[in-house]
Amino acid sequence: MKFRGGMNELMRQASRMQRKIEQRKEELKDEEFEAKKADDKITVVANGAGEVVRVAIDPSVLNDEGLEMVQDLLVAATNDALARSKEHVDAELEKVTGGLKIPGIG
């Protein structure tokens, strides 16, 4: 198989794509994704870097649900927020790569 421009051009294109991916990842770090549980009494916010940045728990939910249930709801909200973050980041990086699956990216 022969590439137009040769192997050097292919390497330059790969390098440009890598820079675009890294730039987009950096931009996505500032985006936030929220998940709520227990009638919005438990809120977890994650960022595009896959980090939990905020947790809010209405104290009344402890009386209504009990500690064990609140812990379960907190885990569920955290998982939802992180899943939303990952799905969004993956979709955005897919736009940059044109749908090309690149190992180690995303």
Protein backbone atom coordinates (compact mmCIF):
# COMPACT_ATOMS: atom_id res chain seq x y z
CA MET A 1 0.00 0.00 0.00
CA LYS A 2 1.36 3.39 -0.97
CA PHE A 3 0.39 6.58 0.90
CA ARG A 4 0.01 9.87 -0.90
CA GLY A 5 2.91 11.95 0.39
CA GLY A 6 4.68 8.93 1.80
CA MET A 7 5.21 7.78 5.34
CA ASN A 8 6.42 11.21 6.50
CA GLU A 9 3.11 12.79 5.53
CA LEU A 10 1.22 10.03 7.33
CA MET A 11 3.26 10.68 10.47
CA ARG A 12 2.61 14.44 10.22
CA GLN A 13 -1.14 13.82 9.94
CA ALA A 14 -1.07 11.47 12.93
CA SER A 15 0.83 14.07 14.93
CA ARG A 16 -1.71 16.78 13.99
CA MET A 17 -4.58 14.51 15.01
CA GLN A 18 -2.89 13.77 18.35
CA ARG A 19 -2.51 17.52 19.02
CA LYS A 20 -6.19 18.10 18.17
CA ILE A 21 -7.22 15.26 20.48
CA GLU A 22 -5.13 16.60 23.36
CA GLN A 23 -6.46 20.12 22.80
CA ARG A 24 -10.07 18.88 22.82
CA LYS A 25 -9.45 16.80 25.96
CA GLU A 26 -8.11 19.91 27.68
CA GLU A 27 -11.21 21.90 26.66
CA LEU A 28 -13.53 19.14 27.88
CA LYS A 29 -11.97 19.15 31.36
CA ASP A 30 -13.95 22.31 32.14
CA GLU A 31 -17.34 20.89 31.15
CA GLU A 32 -19.53 19.57 33.94
CA PHE A 33 -22.04 16.72 34.01
CA GLU A 34 -24.67 16.44 36.71
CA ALA A 35 -26.69 13.54 38.05
CA LYS A 36 -29.46 13.74 40.64
CA LYS A 37 -31.20 11.15 42.80
CA ALA A 38 -33.87 11.10 45.55
CA ASP A 39 -36.06 13.80 43.99
CA ASP A 40 -33.03 16.04 43.40
CA LYS A 41 -31.94 15.87 47.04
CA ILE A 42 -28.64 14.23 46.08
CA THR A 43 -26.56 15.85 43.35
CA VAL A 44 -23.19 14.79 42.00
CA VAL A 45 -21.23 16.81 39.43
CA ALA A 46 -18.33 15.37 37.44
CA ASN A 47 -16.10 17.12 34.93
CA GLY A 48 -14.87 16.07 31.50
CA ALA A 49 -11.68 14.71 33.06
CA GLY A 50 -13.75 12.07 34.86
CA GLU A 51 -13.36 13.65 38.28
CA VAL A 52 -16.13 14.26 40.80
CA VAL A 53 -16.05 18.00 41.50
CA ARG A 54 -19.10 18.53 43.67
CA VAL A 55 -21.51 16.58 45.85
CA ALA A 56 -24.61 18.06 47.46
CA ILE A 57 -26.86 16.19 49.87
CA ASP A 58 -30.00 17.74 51.32
CA PRO A 59 -29.91 16.81 55.03
CA SER A 60 -33.61 15.97 54.98
CA VAL A 61 -32.92 12.97 52.74
CA LEU A 62 -31.14 11.27 55.65
CA ASN A 63 -34.34 11.40 57.69
CA ASP A 64 -36.48 10.31 54.73
CA GLU A 65 -34.28 7.53 53.37
CA GLY A 66 -31.80 6.55 56.06
CA LEU A 67 -28.01 6.47 55.89
CA GLU A 68 -27.62 3.19 54.01
CA MET A 69 -30.05 4.24 51.26
CA VAL A 70 -28.38 7.66 50.96
CA GLN A 71 -25.02 5.94 50.53
CA ASP A 72 -26.45 3.74 47.76
CA LEU A 73 -28.07 6.75 46.07
CA LEU A 74 -24.80 8.68 46.29
CA VAL A 75 -22.93 5.85 44.59
CA ALA A 76 -25.61 5.65 41.88
CA ALA A 77 -25.53 9.42 41.27
CA THR A 78 -21.73 9.38 41.12
CA ASN A 79 -21.73 6.54 38.60
CA ASP A 80 -24.36 8.35 36.49
CA ALA A 81 -22.39 11.62 36.46
CA LEU A 82 -19.16 9.83 35.53
CA ALA A 83 -20.92 7.83 32.80
CA ARG A 84 -22.40 11.02 31.31
CA SER A 85 -18.96 12.61 31.35
CA LYS A 86 -17.34 9.62 29.63
CA GLU A 87 -20.07 9.32 26.99
CA HIS A 88 -19.79 13.02 26.13
CA VAL A 89 -15.99 13.00 25.99
CA ASP A 90 -15.98 9.84 23.85
CA ALA A 91 -18.49 11.40 21.43
CA GLU A 92 -16.46 14.61 21.18
CA LEU A 93 -13.19 12.77 20.58
CA GLU A 94 -14.91 10.63 17.94
CA LYS A 95 -15.68 13.86 16.08
CA VAL A 96 -11.97 14.75 16.12
CA THR A 97 -10.86 11.31 14.92
CA GLY A 98 -13.65 10.96 12.37
CA GLY A 99 -14.85 7.79 14.09
CA LEU A 100 -11.45 6.12 13.91
CA LYS A 101 -10.86 4.00 17.01
CA ILE A 102 -7.37 4.74 18.26
CA PRO A 103 -6.02 2.65 21.15
CA GLY A 104 -5.12 4.71 24.20
CA ILE A 105 -7.23 7.71 23.16
CA GLY A 106 -10.31 8.71 25.12
